[in-house]
Protein backbone atom coordinates (compact mmCIF):
# COMPACT_ATOMS: atom_id res chain seq x y z
CA MET A 1 8.09 -10.96 6.57
CA GLN A 2 9.41 -9.50 9.77
CA ILE A 3 9.53 -6.38 11.67
CA GLU A 4 12.78 -4.71 12.30
CA HIS A 5 14.09 -1.71 14.09
CA PHE A 6 17.60 0.02 13.84
CA ASP A 7 19.78 -0.35 16.86
CA GLY A 8 22.03 2.39 16.01
CA THR A 9 24.26 0.18 13.93
CA VAL A 10 22.04 -2.47 12.12
CA PHE A 11 18.53 -3.43 11.75
CA ILE A 12 17.50 -6.19 13.94
CA VAL A 13 14.17 -8.09 14.26
CA THR A 14 11.97 -6.74 16.90
CA SER A 15 11.37 -10.17 18.62
CA ASP A 16 9.35 -8.80 21.35
CA ASN A 17 6.56 -7.60 18.95
CA ASP A 18 3.50 -9.92 19.25
CA CYS A 19 0.86 -7.18 18.80
CA VAL A 20 1.08 -5.89 15.13
CA SER A 21 -1.28 -7.46 12.76
CA TYR A 22 -0.65 -8.30 9.04
CA ASP A 23 -3.04 -8.74 6.06
CA ALA A 24 -1.82 -10.46 2.94
CA SER A 25 -4.44 -8.31 0.97
CA LYS A 26 -2.11 -5.41 1.43
CA ILE A 27 0.60 -6.91 -0.64
CA SER A 28 0.99 -5.90 -4.20
CA LEU A 29 3.15 -7.49 -6.78
CA THR A 30 5.28 -5.09 -8.98
CA ASP A 31 8.07 -5.16 -11.49
CA ILE A 32 6.86 -8.60 -12.67
CA SER A 33 9.05 -9.85 -15.56
CA LEU A 34 7.03 -13.17 -15.82
CA ASP A 35 3.30 -13.34 -16.63
CA PRO A 36 1.36 -12.37 -13.53
CA VAL A 37 -1.18 -15.15 -13.92
CA PHE A 38 1.70 -17.60 -12.90
CA THR A 39 1.86 -16.41 -9.25
CA LYS A 40 -0.22 -14.93 -6.60
CA VAL A 41 -0.14 -13.80 -2.90
CA VAL A 42 -1.17 -16.60 -0.62
CA GLY A 43 -2.07 -16.06 2.94
CA GLY A 44 -4.66 -14.11 5.11
CA THR A 45 -4.58 -12.14 8.17
CA GLY A 46 -2.95 -12.63 11.76
CA TYR A 47 -0.33 -11.21 13.96
CA PHE A 48 3.42 -11.24 14.01
CA ILE A 49 4.86 -13.57 16.44
CA THR A 50 8.11 -12.69 17.87
CA GLY A 51 8.39 -10.04 15.12
CA LYS A 52 8.12 -12.60 12.34
CA THR A 53 5.24 -14.18 10.20
CA TRP A 54 5.63 -16.99 7.67
CA SER A 55 1.85 -16.96 6.71
CA MET A 56 2.26 -14.82 3.60
CA GLU A 57 3.68 -16.62 0.67
CA LEU A 58 3.81 -16.30 -3.12
CA GLU A 59 2.52 -19.09 -5.14
CA ALA A 60 5.26 -20.77 -7.05
CA PRO A 61 5.01 -20.18 -10.78
CA GLY A 62 5.52 -23.77 -11.93
CA ALA A 63 8.22 -25.77 -13.60
CA GLY A 64 10.16 -23.99 -16.48
CA LYS A 65 9.03 -20.43 -15.55
CA GLN A 66 11.51 -17.99 -14.37
CA GLY A 67 11.69 -14.36 -13.82
CA GLN A 68 11.67 -11.65 -11.35
CA ILE A 69 8.77 -10.08 -9.13
CA GLY A 70 8.82 -7.30 -6.71
CA VAL A 71 6.68 -7.32 -3.44
CA LEU A 72 5.29 -4.23 -1.97
CA TYR A 73 3.55 -4.23 1.35
CA ASP A 74 1.25 -1.28 2.23
CA ALA A 75 2.34 -0.84 5.86
CA TYR A 76 1.19 1.23 8.82
CA ASP A 77 2.48 4.77 8.60
CA TRP A 78 4.65 4.44 11.65
CA LEU A 79 6.39 1.36 9.93
CA LYS A 80 7.34 3.25 6.71
CA TYR A 81 10.89 4.56 6.25
CA ASP A 82 12.86 6.72 3.58
CA TRP A 83 13.77 3.66 1.55
CA ASP A 84 14.35 5.77 -1.43
CA LYS A 85 16.45 8.43 0.33
CA ASP A 86 14.42 11.43 -0.71
CA GLY A 87 13.74 12.81 2.84
CA MET A 88 10.36 11.49 3.22
CA HIS A 89 9.46 8.56 5.52
CA ASP A 90 6.45 7.60 3.12
CA ASN A 91 7.90 4.19 1.68
CA SER A 92 6.40 1.04 2.53
CA PRO A 93 8.75 -1.98 2.87
CA SER A 94 9.61 -3.89 -0.48
CA ALA A 95 11.54 -6.75 -1.71
CA THR A 96 12.39 -8.35 -4.96
CA PHE A 97 12.46 -12.15 -5.47
CA GLY A 98 13.72 -13.96 -8.55
CA LEU A 99 16.57 -15.87 -10.41
CA PHE A 100 19.75 -13.82 -10.53
């Protein structure tokens, strides 16, 4: 996961950010097309280093298990954005992982 900001043209990693904390317990799994017992969030708490962390992961579901899974992070209010374009900056960042 990484922290980005809009530079007027594109989103770029906020590489000078070493003070924002993360907490893997704030991750929820959504839109799961494979049985949720096959994966979970792995990681704990810590701080972003140069705007990034590699300390939160999804456990691999195991051989032969394929599907899609959504990841939602309950971010600080000041990190939320109008991702769904409804005029409200109330959405936490999210991502989808899977086999396409």
